[in-house]
Amino acid sequence: MTEQERIHQGILFSPGNPELKAIKLRSHKLSQQYSQTFEDETEIRAELLDQLLGRLGKGSFMQGPIFFHYGVHTEIGEHFFANYNLTVQDDAKVTIGSNVSFGPNVTIATPVHPFIASERRQMLDRHGNPASLCYAKPVVIGNDVWVSAGVTICGGVTIGDGCVIGAGSVVTRDIPAHSFAAGVPCKTIRAITEEDSMRYKPDILADCEIIEA
């Protein structure tokens, strides 16, 4: 079993493994190159993201700077938007749906380290060699999700379709579809309903109109 396979099975792996380090170095370089581009350098940015990510749907935009740990472990749908300072520690797989928007300073962190300090320092790997080991849990974000500014999404979390995650939240557990959730730790506050429509906020809607489904 390779270290990559160990990651995806959710068991302890060695992040210092040469194969993994090579993947991460490549991702870090591509992330840095992207972050040094201007937002109107669309062809250069598209080429870099094509090399960096496992999948990125059409009509997507990342403001930058960005940081992906592995890159190839992240798959993103269509019409994705990420504001400034997106960080994705995608040791485990990260799956993001279509029509998803991220505010600035959003972090997705899939790795998990042992709680016991001595185990964090070193354990014995499968070959009996001392090594720093960790494990990782995947993250799934559905379609039509808005993740507000400064949100951290931890490994093992699924956020359902149509959710809104309040600014500054730390998401440590699943959020059911069509929910507004916020807090540290993030908790479901209420369902999102028709009453949340902008049609009921005429002072904000002003001279704009709702597109009827």
N, C-alpha and C. Protein backbone atom coordinates (compact mmCIF):
# COMPACT_ATOMS: atom_id res chain seq x y z
N MET A 1 0.84 -1.19 0.00
CA MET A 1 0.00 0.00 0.00
C MET A 1 0.89 1.25 0.00
N THR A 2 0.60 2.18 -0.91
CA THR A 2 1.36 3.43 -0.96
C THR A 2 0.89 4.38 0.13
N GLU A 3 1.70 5.41 0.38
CA GLU A 3 1.29 6.42 1.36
C GLU A 3 0.03 7.16 0.90
N GLN A 4 -0.10 7.37 -0.41
CA GLN A 4 -1.33 7.99 -0.94
C GLN A 4 -2.54 7.13 -0.63
N GLU A 5 -2.41 5.83 -0.80
CA GLU A 5 -3.52 4.93 -0.50
C GLU A 5 -3.85 4.94 0.98
N ARG A 6 -2.82 5.05 1.81
CA ARG A 6 -3.05 5.12 3.25
C ARG A 6 -3.83 6.38 3.61
N ILE A 7 -3.50 7.50 2.97
CA ILE A 7 -4.25 8.73 3.21
C ILE A 7 -5.73 8.52 2.93
N HIS A 8 -6.02 7.95 1.76
CA HIS A 8 -7.41 7.84 1.33
C HIS A 8 -8.18 6.76 2.11
N GLN A 9 -7.46 5.89 2.80
CA GLN A 9 -8.13 4.91 3.66
C GLN A 9 -8.32 5.44 5.08
N GLY A 10 -7.81 6.65 5.35
CA GLY A 10 -8.01 7.25 6.65
C GLY A 10 -7.16 6.67 7.76
N ILE A 11 -6.03 6.05 7.39
CA ILE A 11 -5.14 5.48 8.40
C ILE A 11 -3.85 6.30 8.45
N LEU A 12 -3.03 6.03 9.49
CA LEU A 12 -1.81 6.81 9.67
C LEU A 12 -0.90 6.70 8.45
N PHE A 13 -0.33 7.85 8.10
CA PHE A 13 0.63 7.89 7.00
C PHE A 13 1.77 8.83 7.37
N SER A 14 2.83 8.78 6.60
CA SER A 14 4.00 9.60 6.86
C SER A 14 4.05 10.77 5.89
N PRO A 15 3.74 12.00 6.35
CA PRO A 15 3.79 13.15 5.45
C PRO A 15 5.19 13.45 4.94
N GLY A 16 6.21 12.88 5.58
CA GLY A 16 7.58 13.08 5.12
C GLY A 16 8.01 12.10 4.05
N ASN A 17 7.10 11.22 3.63
CA ASN A 17 7.41 10.27 2.56
C ASN A 17 7.85 11.01 1.30
N PRO A 18 8.96 10.58 0.64
CA PRO A 18 9.48 11.31 -0.52
C PRO A 18 8.46 11.53 -1.64
N GLU A 19 7.60 10.53 -1.90
CA GLU A 19 6.59 10.69 -2.95
C GLU A 19 5.59 11.79 -2.59
N LEU A 20 5.15 11.80 -1.34
CA LEU A 20 4.21 12.82 -0.91
C LEU A 20 4.87 14.20 -0.91
N LYS A 21 6.11 14.27 -0.46
CA LYS A 21 6.82 15.54 -0.44
C LYS A 21 6.96 16.11 -1.84
N ALA A 22 7.15 15.26 -2.83
CA ALA A 22 7.27 15.73 -4.21
C ALA A 22 5.95 16.31 -4.71
N ILE A 23 4.84 15.65 -4.37
CA ILE A 23 3.51 16.16 -4.77
C ILE A 23 3.26 17.51 -4.12
N LYS A 24 3.59 17.61 -2.82
CA LYS A 24 3.35 18.86 -2.10
C LYS A 24 4.24 19.99 -2.62
N LEU A 25 5.50 19.68 -2.91
CA LEU A 25 6.39 20.71 -3.43
C LEU A 25 5.87 21.26 -4.75
N ARG A 26 5.40 20.38 -5.60
CA ARG A 26 4.83 20.81 -6.89
C ARG A 26 3.62 21.71 -6.66
N SER A 27 2.74 21.29 -5.74
CA SER A 27 1.54 22.07 -5.46
C SER A 27 1.89 23.43 -4.86
N HIS A 28 2.85 23.45 -3.96
CA HIS A 28 3.25 24.71 -3.33
C HIS A 28 3.81 25.69 -4.36
N LYS A 29 4.61 25.16 -5.29
CA LYS A 29 5.18 26.02 -6.33
C LYS A 29 4.09 26.58 -7.24
N LEU A 30 3.15 25.72 -7.65
CA LEU A 30 2.06 26.18 -8.53
C LEU A 30 1.17 27.18 -7.80
N SER A 31 0.91 26.93 -6.51
CA SER A 31 0.12 27.88 -5.73
C SER A 31 0.81 29.23 -5.66
N GLN A 32 2.11 29.22 -5.44
CA GLN A 32 2.87 30.45 -5.36
C GLN A 32 2.88 31.19 -6.70
N GLN A 33 3.04 30.44 -7.77
CA GLN A 33 3.03 31.05 -9.10
C GLN A 33 1.68 31.71 -9.38
N TYR A 34 0.60 31.01 -9.03
CA TYR A 34 -0.73 31.58 -9.23
C TYR A 34 -0.89 32.86 -8.41
N SER A 35 -0.44 32.82 -7.17
CA SER A 35 -0.60 33.96 -6.27
C SER A 35 0.18 35.19 -6.74
N GLN A 36 1.19 34.97 -7.58
CA GLN A 36 1.99 36.08 -8.08
C GLN A 36 1.46 36.64 -9.40
N THR A 37 0.38 36.05 -9.93
CA THR A 37 -0.22 36.56 -11.16
C THR A 37 -1.23 37.66 -10.85
N PHE A 38 -1.57 38.43 -11.88
CA PHE A 38 -2.64 39.41 -11.77
C PHE A 38 -3.95 38.76 -12.22
N GLU A 39 -5.06 39.26 -11.70
CA GLU A 39 -6.34 38.60 -11.97
C GLU A 39 -6.77 38.69 -13.43
N ASP A 40 -6.20 39.62 -14.21
CA ASP A 40 -6.54 39.69 -15.62
C ASP A 40 -5.63 38.82 -16.49
N GLU A 41 -4.70 38.10 -15.86
CA GLU A 41 -3.85 37.15 -16.61
C GLU A 41 -4.57 35.80 -16.64
N THR A 42 -5.71 35.81 -17.30
CA THR A 42 -6.63 34.68 -17.22
C THR A 42 -6.08 33.40 -17.83
N GLU A 43 -5.36 33.51 -18.93
CA GLU A 43 -4.83 32.30 -19.59
C GLU A 43 -3.75 31.66 -18.73
N ILE A 44 -2.87 32.46 -18.16
CA ILE A 44 -1.82 31.92 -17.29
C ILE A 44 -2.45 31.26 -16.07
N ARG A 45 -3.42 31.94 -15.46
CA ARG A 45 -4.08 31.39 -14.27
C ARG A 45 -4.79 30.07 -14.59
N ALA A 46 -5.47 30.02 -15.72
CA ALA A 46 -6.19 28.80 -16.09
C ALA A 46 -5.23 27.63 -16.28
N GLU A 47 -4.09 27.90 -16.89
CA GLU A 47 -3.09 26.85 -17.11
C GLU A 47 -2.53 26.34 -15.78
N LEU A 48 -2.26 27.26 -14.85
CA LEU A 48 -1.73 26.87 -13.55
C LEU A 48 -2.73 26.03 -12.77
N LEU A 49 -4.00 26.45 -12.77
CA LEU A 49 -5.02 25.70 -12.04
C LEU A 49 -5.26 24.33 -12.67
N ASP A 50 -5.12 24.25 -13.98
CA ASP A 50 -5.27 22.96 -14.66
C ASP A 50 -4.19 21.98 -14.21
N GLN A 51 -2.99 22.50 -13.96
CA GLN A 51 -1.90 21.66 -13.46
C GLN A 51 -2.05 21.36 -11.98
N LEU A 52 -2.61 22.30 -11.25
CA LEU A 52 -2.64 22.23 -9.79
C LEU A 52 -3.71 21.31 -9.24
N LEU A 53 -4.93 21.40 -9.77
CA LEU A 53 -6.09 20.76 -9.13
C LEU A 53 -6.48 19.45 -9.80
N GLY A 54 -7.17 18.61 -9.01
CA GLY A 54 -7.70 17.39 -9.58
C GLY A 54 -8.78 17.66 -10.60
N ARG A 55 -9.60 18.69 -10.33
CA ARG A 55 -10.64 19.10 -11.27
C ARG A 55 -11.11 20.49 -10.90
N LEU A 56 -11.38 21.31 -11.91
CA LEU A 56 -11.97 22.63 -11.71
C LEU A 56 -12.95 22.89 -12.84
N GLY A 57 -14.23 23.10 -12.49
CA GLY A 57 -15.26 23.32 -13.49
C GLY A 57 -15.16 24.69 -14.14
N LYS A 58 -15.87 24.84 -15.24
CA LYS A 58 -15.84 26.09 -16.00
C LYS A 58 -16.48 27.23 -15.21
N GLY A 59 -16.06 28.44 -15.57
CA GLY A 59 -16.65 29.63 -14.95
C GLY A 59 -16.20 29.87 -13.53
N SER A 60 -15.09 29.26 -13.11
CA SER A 60 -14.62 29.41 -11.73
C SER A 60 -13.55 30.49 -11.65
N PHE A 61 -13.43 31.11 -10.46
CA PHE A 61 -12.48 32.20 -10.28
C PHE A 61 -11.96 32.19 -8.85
N MET A 62 -10.65 32.30 -8.70
CA MET A 62 -10.02 32.43 -7.39
C MET A 62 -9.22 33.72 -7.37
N GLN A 63 -9.58 34.59 -6.44
CA GLN A 63 -8.95 35.90 -6.39
C GLN A 63 -7.44 35.79 -6.14
N GLY A 64 -7.06 34.92 -5.22
CA GLY A 64 -5.66 34.81 -4.82
C GLY A 64 -5.34 35.80 -3.72
N PRO A 65 -4.29 35.60 -2.95
CA PRO A 65 -3.42 34.42 -3.04
C PRO A 65 -4.13 33.14 -2.62
N ILE A 66 -3.61 32.02 -3.12
CA ILE A 66 -4.16 30.70 -2.80
C ILE A 66 -3.04 29.81 -2.26
N PHE A 67 -3.42 28.80 -1.51
CA PHE A 67 -2.46 27.80 -1.07
C PHE A 67 -3.15 26.45 -1.04
N PHE A 68 -2.67 25.52 -1.87
CA PHE A 68 -3.14 24.14 -1.85
C PHE A 68 -1.97 23.25 -1.43
N HIS A 69 -2.24 22.32 -0.52
CA HIS A 69 -1.18 21.46 0.01
C HIS A 69 -0.80 20.36 -0.99
N TYR A 70 -1.81 19.66 -1.50
CA TYR A 70 -1.58 18.64 -2.52
C TYR A 70 -2.15 19.06 -3.88
N GLY A 71 -3.25 19.78 -3.86
CA GLY A 71 -3.85 20.25 -5.11
C GLY A 71 -4.61 19.16 -5.84
N VAL A 72 -3.93 18.10 -6.20
CA VAL A 72 -4.54 17.02 -6.98
C VAL A 72 -5.62 16.28 -6.19
N HIS A 73 -5.67 16.48 -4.88
CA HIS A 73 -6.70 15.84 -4.06
C HIS A 73 -7.98 16.68 -3.98
N THR A 74 -8.01 17.83 -4.67
CA THR A 74 -9.17 18.73 -4.62
C THR A 74 -9.91 18.71 -5.96
N GLU A 75 -11.22 18.52 -5.89
CA GLU A 75 -12.08 18.57 -7.08
C GLU A 75 -13.17 19.61 -6.83
N ILE A 76 -13.34 20.52 -7.79
CA ILE A 76 -14.26 21.65 -7.66
C ILE A 76 -15.18 21.70 -8.87
N GLY A 77 -16.46 21.98 -8.63
CA GLY A 77 -17.45 22.06 -9.70
C GLY A 77 -17.41 23.38 -10.45
N GLU A 78 -18.49 23.69 -11.14
CA GLU A 78 -18.57 24.88 -11.99
C GLU A 78 -18.95 26.12 -11.18
N HIS A 79 -18.53 27.27 -11.72
CA HIS A 79 -18.90 28.58 -11.17
C HIS A 79 -18.56 28.70 -9.68
N PHE A 80 -17.34 28.29 -9.36
CA PHE A 80 -16.82 28.43 -8.00
C PHE A 80 -16.13 29.78 -7.87
N PHE A 81 -16.34 30.45 -6.75
CA PHE A 81 -15.66 31.72 -6.48
C PHE A 81 -14.98 31.66 -5.12
N ALA A 82 -13.71 32.04 -5.08
CA ALA A 82 -12.98 32.14 -3.82
C ALA A 82 -12.36 33.52 -3.71
N ASN A 83 -12.64 34.20 -2.61
CA ASN A 83 -12.07 35.52 -2.37
C ASN A 83 -10.63 35.36 -1.87
N TYR A 84 -10.05 36.44 -1.33
CA TYR A 84 -8.64 36.44 -0.94
C TYR A 84 -8.28 35.35 0.07
N ASN A 85 -7.04 34.86 -0.05
CA ASN A 85 -6.41 34.00 0.97
C ASN A 85 -7.15 32.68 1.21
N LEU A 86 -7.30 31.91 0.15
CA LEU A 86 -7.87 30.58 0.26
C LEU A 86 -6.76 29.58 0.60
N THR A 87 -6.98 28.80 1.67
CA THR A 87 -6.03 27.76 2.05
C THR A 87 -6.75 26.42 2.08
N VAL A 88 -6.22 25.44 1.35
CA VAL A 88 -6.81 24.10 1.31
C VAL A 88 -5.71 23.08 1.61
N GLN A 89 -5.75 22.54 2.83
CA GLN A 89 -4.83 21.47 3.21
C GLN A 89 -5.49 20.14 2.85
N ASP A 90 -5.36 19.80 1.60
CA ASP A 90 -6.09 18.66 1.04
C ASP A 90 -5.26 17.38 1.08
N ASP A 91 -4.81 17.01 2.28
CA ASP A 91 -4.18 15.70 2.41
C ASP A 91 -5.21 14.64 2.00
N ALA A 92 -6.36 14.64 2.67
CA ALA A 92 -7.49 13.82 2.23
C ALA A 92 -8.24 14.56 1.11
N LYS A 93 -9.13 13.86 0.47
CA LYS A 93 -9.85 14.45 -0.67
C LYS A 93 -10.78 15.57 -0.23
N VAL A 94 -10.79 16.65 -1.01
CA VAL A 94 -11.71 17.76 -0.82
C VAL A 94 -12.58 17.86 -2.06
N THR A 95 -13.90 17.78 -1.88
CA THR A 95 -14.84 17.86 -2.99
C THR A 95 -15.76 19.05 -2.76
N ILE A 96 -15.78 19.97 -3.73
CA ILE A 96 -16.59 21.18 -3.66
C ILE A 96 -17.53 21.19 -4.86
N GLY A 97 -18.81 21.44 -4.62
CA GLY A 97 -19.81 21.40 -5.68
C GLY A 97 -19.79 22.62 -6.57
N SER A 98 -20.87 22.81 -7.32
CA SER A 98 -21.00 23.94 -8.25
C SER A 98 -21.74 25.11 -7.58
N ASN A 99 -21.46 26.30 -8.10
CA ASN A 99 -22.10 27.53 -7.60
C ASN A 99 -21.83 27.74 -6.11
N VAL A 100 -20.58 27.50 -5.73
CA VAL A 100 -20.14 27.68 -4.35
C VAL A 100 -19.30 28.95 -4.27
N SER A 101 -19.53 29.75 -3.23
CA SER A 101 -18.79 30.99 -3.02
C SER A 101 -18.10 30.97 -1.66
N PHE A 102 -16.82 31.35 -1.65
CA PHE A 102 -16.04 31.46 -0.43
C PHE A 102 -15.69 32.93 -0.19
N GLY A 103 -15.88 33.41 1.03
CA GLY A 103 -15.39 34.72 1.41
C GLY A 103 -13.89 34.70 1.61
N PRO A 104 -13.30 35.84 2.00
CA PRO A 104 -11.86 35.88 2.24
C PRO A 104 -11.46 35.05 3.46
N ASN A 105 -10.22 34.56 3.40
CA ASN A 105 -9.61 33.85 4.54
C ASN A 105 -10.35 32.58 4.94
N VAL A 106 -10.78 31.81 3.96
CA VAL A 106 -11.38 30.50 4.22
C VAL A 106 -10.28 29.44 4.24
N THR A 107 -10.36 28.55 5.22
CA THR A 107 -9.39 27.46 5.35
C THR A 107 -10.12 26.12 5.42
N ILE A 108 -9.64 25.16 4.63
CA ILE A 108 -10.10 23.77 4.74
C ILE A 108 -8.89 22.96 5.19
N ALA A 109 -9.04 22.26 6.30
CA ALA A 109 -7.91 21.51 6.88
C ALA A 109 -8.32 20.06 7.11
N THR A 110 -7.78 19.14 6.30
CA THR A 110 -8.16 17.73 6.43
C THR A 110 -7.24 16.91 7.34
N PRO A 111 -5.98 17.31 7.59
CA PRO A 111 -5.12 16.46 8.42
C PRO A 111 -5.49 16.50 9.90
N VAL A 112 -5.25 15.38 10.56
CA VAL A 112 -5.51 15.25 12.00
C VAL A 112 -4.27 14.66 12.66
N HIS A 113 -3.82 15.26 13.75
CA HIS A 113 -2.64 14.78 14.46
C HIS A 113 -3.05 14.13 15.78
N PRO A 114 -2.25 13.18 16.27
CA PRO A 114 -2.58 12.53 17.55
C PRO A 114 -2.67 13.55 18.69
N PHE A 115 -3.52 13.27 19.66
CA PHE A 115 -3.68 14.13 20.83
C PHE A 115 -2.51 14.01 21.81
N ILE A 116 -1.95 12.81 21.91
CA ILE A 116 -0.86 12.56 22.86
C ILE A 116 0.43 13.13 22.30
N ALA A 117 1.09 14.00 23.10
CA ALA A 117 2.26 14.72 22.59
C ALA A 117 3.36 13.79 22.10
N SER A 118 3.65 12.74 22.84
CA SER A 118 4.72 11.82 22.43
C SER A 118 4.39 11.13 21.12
N GLU A 119 3.09 10.88 20.86
CA GLU A 119 2.67 10.26 19.60
C GLU A 119 2.75 11.25 18.45
N ARG A 120 2.57 12.54 18.77
CA ARG A 120 2.74 13.55 17.73
C ARG A 120 4.21 13.66 17.31
N ARG A 121 5.09 13.50 18.29
CA ARG A 121 6.52 13.62 17.96
C ARG A 121 6.94 12.48 17.06
N GLN A 122 6.72 11.25 17.49
CA GLN A 122 7.11 10.10 16.69
C GLN A 122 6.34 8.86 17.10
N MET A 123 6.08 8.01 16.11
CA MET A 123 5.62 6.65 16.33
C MET A 123 6.44 5.76 15.39
N LEU A 124 6.16 4.48 15.42
CA LEU A 124 6.82 3.57 14.49
C LEU A 124 5.92 3.36 13.28
N ASP A 125 6.48 3.57 12.09
CA ASP A 125 5.69 3.37 10.87
C ASP A 125 5.56 1.88 10.56
N ARG A 126 4.96 1.57 9.45
CA ARG A 126 4.68 0.16 9.10
C ARG A 126 5.95 -0.66 8.93
N HIS A 127 7.08 0.02 8.72
CA HIS A 127 8.36 -0.67 8.57
C HIS A 127 9.13 -0.73 9.89
N GLY A 128 8.52 -0.19 10.95
CA GLY A 128 9.18 -0.20 12.25
C GLY A 128 10.16 0.94 12.45
N ASN A 129 10.10 1.94 11.57
CA ASN A 129 11.00 3.08 11.67
C ASN A 129 10.33 4.24 12.40
N PRO A 130 11.06 4.96 13.26
CA PRO A 130 10.49 6.14 13.90
C PRO A 130 10.13 7.21 12.87
N ALA A 131 8.94 7.76 13.00
CA ALA A 131 8.49 8.77 12.03
C ALA A 131 7.37 9.60 12.63
N SER A 132 7.22 10.81 12.12
CA SER A 132 6.07 11.65 12.46
C SER A 132 4.90 11.22 11.58
N LEU A 133 3.81 10.83 12.20
CA LEU A 133 2.67 10.29 11.47
C LEU A 133 1.41 11.09 11.78
N CYS A 134 0.51 11.14 10.81
CA CYS A 134 -0.81 11.74 11.02
C CYS A 134 -1.80 10.99 10.14
N TYR A 135 -3.06 11.40 10.21
CA TYR A 135 -4.08 10.84 9.32
C TYR A 135 -4.93 11.99 8.82
N ALA A 136 -5.85 11.72 7.93
CA ALA A 136 -6.64 12.80 7.33
C ALA A 136 -8.06 12.33 7.05
N LYS A 137 -9.00 13.29 7.10
CA LYS A 137 -10.41 13.00 6.85
C LYS A 137 -10.91 13.90 5.73
N PRO A 138 -11.68 13.36 4.79
CA PRO A 138 -12.13 14.16 3.64
C PRO A 138 -13.16 15.22 4.01
N VAL A 139 -13.29 16.19 3.13
CA VAL A 139 -14.29 17.25 3.27
C VAL A 139 -15.14 17.27 2.01
N VAL A 140 -16.46 17.37 2.20
CA VAL A 140 -17.39 17.47 1.07
C VAL A 140 -18.27 18.70 1.27
N ILE A 141 -18.30 19.56 0.26
CA ILE A 141 -19.16 20.75 0.27
C ILE A 141 -20.10 20.64 -0.93
N GLY A 142 -21.39 20.72 -0.68
CA GLY A 142 -22.38 20.54 -1.73
C GLY A 142 -22.48 21.71 -2.69
N ASN A 143 -23.55 21.72 -3.47
CA ASN A 143 -23.81 22.79 -4.44
C ASN A 143 -24.47 23.99 -3.76
N ASP A 144 -24.28 25.17 -4.35
CA ASP A 144 -24.98 26.38 -3.93
C ASP A 144 -24.73 26.74 -2.47
N VAL A 145 -23.49 26.58 -2.04
CA VAL A 145 -23.11 26.88 -0.65
C VAL A 145 -22.37 28.21 -0.62
N TRP A 146 -22.67 29.03 0.40
CA TRP A 146 -21.92 30.26 0.65
C TRP A 146 -21.19 30.10 1.97
N VAL A 147 -19.86 30.13 1.89
CA VAL A 147 -19.01 30.06 3.08
C VAL A 147 -18.47 31.47 3.31
N SER A 148 -18.85 32.09 4.42
CA SER A 148 -18.52 33.49 4.66
C SER A 148 -17.06 33.66 5.09
N ALA A 149 -16.68 34.92 5.34
CA ALA A 149 -15.29 35.27 5.63
C ALA A 149 -14.77 34.59 6.89
N GLY A 150 -13.51 34.14 6.82
CA GLY A 150 -12.81 33.66 8.00
C GLY A 150 -13.29 32.33 8.53
N VAL A 151 -13.91 31.50 7.70
CA VAL A 151 -14.42 30.20 8.14
C VAL A 151 -13.32 29.14 8.03
N THR A 152 -13.25 28.26 9.02
CA THR A 152 -12.38 27.09 8.99
C THR A 152 -13.24 25.84 8.94
N ILE A 153 -12.96 24.97 7.97
CA ILE A 153 -13.71 23.72 7.80
C ILE A 153 -12.74 22.58 8.09
N CYS A 154 -13.06 21.78 9.10
CA CYS A 154 -12.16 20.71 9.55
C CYS A 154 -12.44 19.40 8.82
N GLY A 155 -11.47 18.52 8.87
CA GLY A 155 -11.59 17.23 8.20
C GLY A 155 -12.76 16.40 8.71
N GLY A 156 -13.35 15.63 7.82
CA GLY A 156 -14.46 14.75 8.15
C GLY A 156 -15.82 15.39 8.05
N VAL A 157 -15.87 16.65 7.58
CA VAL A 157 -17.13 17.40 7.54
C VAL A 157 -17.78 17.33 6.16
N THR A 158 -19.11 17.21 6.16
CA THR A 158 -19.92 17.36 4.95
C THR A 158 -20.88 18.53 5.16
N ILE A 159 -20.86 19.48 4.24
CA ILE A 159 -21.80 20.61 4.25
C ILE A 159 -22.78 20.40 3.11
N GLY A 160 -24.06 20.32 3.43
CA GLY A 160 -25.07 20.00 2.43
C GLY A 160 -25.35 21.13 1.46
N ASP A 161 -26.11 20.82 0.42
CA ASP A 161 -26.48 21.80 -0.62
C ASP A 161 -27.19 23.00 0.01
N GLY A 162 -26.94 24.16 -0.57
CA GLY A 162 -27.71 25.35 -0.24
C GLY A 162 -27.45 25.96 1.12
N CYS A 163 -26.37 25.58 1.77
CA CYS A 163 -26.09 26.10 3.12
C CYS A 163 -25.42 27.48 3.08
N VAL A 164 -25.57 28.21 4.17
CA VAL A 164 -24.83 29.44 4.43
C VAL A 164 -24.09 29.25 5.76
N ILE A 165 -22.77 29.45 5.72
CA ILE A 165 -21.95 29.31 6.93
C ILE A 165 -21.51 30.70 7.35
N GLY A 166 -21.87 31.11 8.57
CA GLY A 166 -21.61 32.45 9.06
C GLY A 166 -20.13 32.74 9.25
N ALA A 167 -19.78 34.02 9.14
CA ALA A 167 -18.39 34.46 9.22
C ALA A 167 -17.73 34.03 10.53
N GLY A 168 -16.47 33.60 10.42
CA GLY A 168 -15.69 33.24 11.59
C GLY A 168 -15.99 31.89 12.18
N SER A 169 -16.83 31.11 11.55
CA SER A 169 -17.21 29.80 12.09
C SER A 169 -16.08 28.79 11.97
N VAL A 170 -16.10 27.81 12.88
CA VAL A 170 -15.21 26.66 12.80
C VAL A 170 -16.10 25.42 12.68
N VAL A 171 -16.11 24.83 11.48
CA VAL A 171 -17.05 23.74 11.18
C VAL A 171 -16.38 22.42 11.53
N THR A 172 -16.89 21.76 12.56
CA THR A 172 -16.31 20.51 13.04
C THR A 172 -17.26 19.33 12.88
N ARG A 173 -18.49 19.61 12.43
CA ARG A 173 -19.47 18.53 12.26
C ARG A 173 -20.30 18.80 11.01
N ASP A 174 -21.01 17.77 10.55
CA ASP A 174 -21.82 17.91 9.34
C ASP A 174 -22.90 18.97 9.51
N ILE A 175 -23.19 19.67 8.42
CA ILE A 175 -24.26 20.66 8.39
C ILE A 175 -25.31 20.20 7.38
N PRO A 176 -26.57 20.02 7.80
CA PRO A 176 -27.58 19.53 6.87
C PRO A 176 -27.91 20.54 5.78
N ALA A 177 -28.39 20.04 4.66
CA ALA A 177 -28.68 20.89 3.50
C ALA A 177 -29.66 22.01 3.85
N HIS A 178 -29.49 23.13 3.16
CA HIS A 178 -30.38 24.29 3.26
C HIS A 178 -30.49 24.81 4.69
N SER A 179 -29.32 24.91 5.34
CA SER A 179 -29.27 25.41 6.71
C SER A 179 -28.39 26.65 6.79
N PHE A 180 -28.74 27.53 7.73
CA PHE A 180 -27.82 28.59 8.13
C PHE A 180 -27.15 28.11 9.41
N ALA A 181 -25.82 28.07 9.40
CA ALA A 181 -25.06 27.58 10.54
C ALA A 181 -23.92 28.56 10.84
N ALA A 182 -23.59 28.70 12.12
CA ALA A 182 -22.54 29.64 12.49
C ALA A 182 -22.04 29.29 13.89
N GLY A 183 -20.88 29.85 14.24
CA GLY A 183 -20.37 29.72 15.59
C GLY A 183 -19.10 28.92 15.69
N VAL A 184 -18.56 28.88 16.90
CA VAL A 184 -17.35 28.12 17.21
C VAL A 184 -17.64 27.26 18.43
N PRO A 185 -17.88 25.96 18.28
CA PRO A 185 -17.95 25.26 17.00
C PRO A 185 -19.24 25.61 16.24
N CYS A 186 -19.20 25.44 14.94
CA CYS A 186 -20.34 25.80 14.09
C CYS A 186 -21.54 24.88 14.36
N LYS A 187 -22.70 25.50 14.56
CA LYS A 187 -23.93 24.74 14.80
C LYS A 187 -25.03 25.25 13.88
N THR A 188 -25.94 24.34 13.54
CA THR A 188 -27.09 24.73 12.74
C THR A 188 -27.99 25.65 13.55
N ILE A 189 -28.28 26.81 13.01
CA ILE A 189 -29.12 27.79 13.70
C ILE A 189 -30.57 27.65 13.26
N ARG A 190 -30.78 27.53 11.96
CA ARG A 190 -32.14 27.37 11.46
C ARG A 190 -32.09 26.93 10.00
N ALA A 191 -33.25 26.50 9.50
CA ALA A 191 -33.38 26.18 8.08
C ALA A 191 -33.48 27.46 7.26
N ILE A 192 -33.00 27.42 6.04
CA ILE A 192 -33.19 28.52 5.09
C ILE A 192 -34.51 28.27 4.37
N THR A 193 -35.42 29.25 4.40
CA THR A 193 -36.76 29.07 3.85
C THR A 193 -37.07 30.16 2.83
N GLU A 194 -38.23 30.06 2.24
CA GLU A 194 -38.69 31.06 1.27
C GLU A 194 -38.74 32.45 1.88
N GLU A 195 -38.96 32.54 3.18
CA GLU A 195 -39.02 33.83 3.85
C GLU A 195 -37.69 34.59 3.81
N ASP A 196 -36.60 33.87 3.46
CA ASP A 196 -35.30 34.53 3.33
C ASP A 196 -35.11 35.19 1.97
N SER A 197 -36.09 35.05 1.08
CA SER A 197 -35.98 35.63 -0.26
C SER A 197 -35.84 37.15 -0.21
N MET A 198 -35.08 37.69 -1.14
CA MET A 198 -34.90 39.13 -1.24
C MET A 198 -36.21 39.85 -1.56
N ARG A 199 -37.22 39.12 -2.04
CA ARG A 199 -38.51 39.76 -2.34
C ARG A 199 -39.16 40.30 -1.08
N TYR A 200 -38.75 39.77 0.07
CA TYR A 200 -39.30 40.25 1.33
C TYR A 200 -38.41 41.31 1.98
N LYS A 201 -37.44 41.79 1.21
CA LYS A 201 -36.55 42.85 1.67
C LYS A 201 -36.52 43.96 0.61
N PRO A 202 -37.67 44.59 0.37
CA PRO A 202 -37.77 45.55 -0.73
C PRO A 202 -36.82 46.73 -0.60
N ASP A 203 -36.47 47.09 0.62
CA ASP A 203 -35.54 48.20 0.80
C ASP A 203 -34.15 47.87 0.30
N ILE A 204 -33.80 46.57 0.29
CA ILE A 204 -32.51 46.13 -0.23
C ILE A 204 -32.62 45.75 -1.70
N LEU A 205 -33.73 45.13 -2.06
CA LEU A 205 -33.96 44.73 -3.46
C LEU A 205 -33.97 45.95 -4.37
N ALA A 206 -34.54 47.04 -3.87
CA ALA A 206 -34.60 48.32 -4.62
C ALA A 206 -35.19 48.09 -6.00
N ASP A 207 -34.48 48.49 -7.06
CA ASP A 207 -35.03 48.39 -8.41
C ASP A 207 -34.56 47.13 -9.14
N CYS A 208 -34.03 46.15 -8.38
CA CYS A 208 -33.65 44.88 -8.97
C CYS A 208 -34.84 43.90 -8.90
N GLU A 209 -34.72 42.75 -9.56
CA GLU A 209 -35.83 41.81 -9.61
C GLU A 209 -35.35 40.38 -9.33
N ILE A 210 -36.23 39.57 -8.79
CA ILE A 210 -35.97 38.14 -8.60
C ILE A 210 -36.23 37.43 -9.92
N ILE A 211 -35.36 36.50 -10.26
CA ILE A 211 -35.60 35.64 -11.44
C ILE A 211 -36.45 34.48 -10.98
N GLU A 212 -37.64 34.36 -11.50
CA GLU A 212 -38.53 33.29 -11.09
C GLU A 212 -38.07 31.95 -11.66
N ALA A 213 -38.09 30.93 -10.80
CA ALA A 213 -37.64 29.59 -11.23
C ALA A 213 -38.62 28.99 -12.24
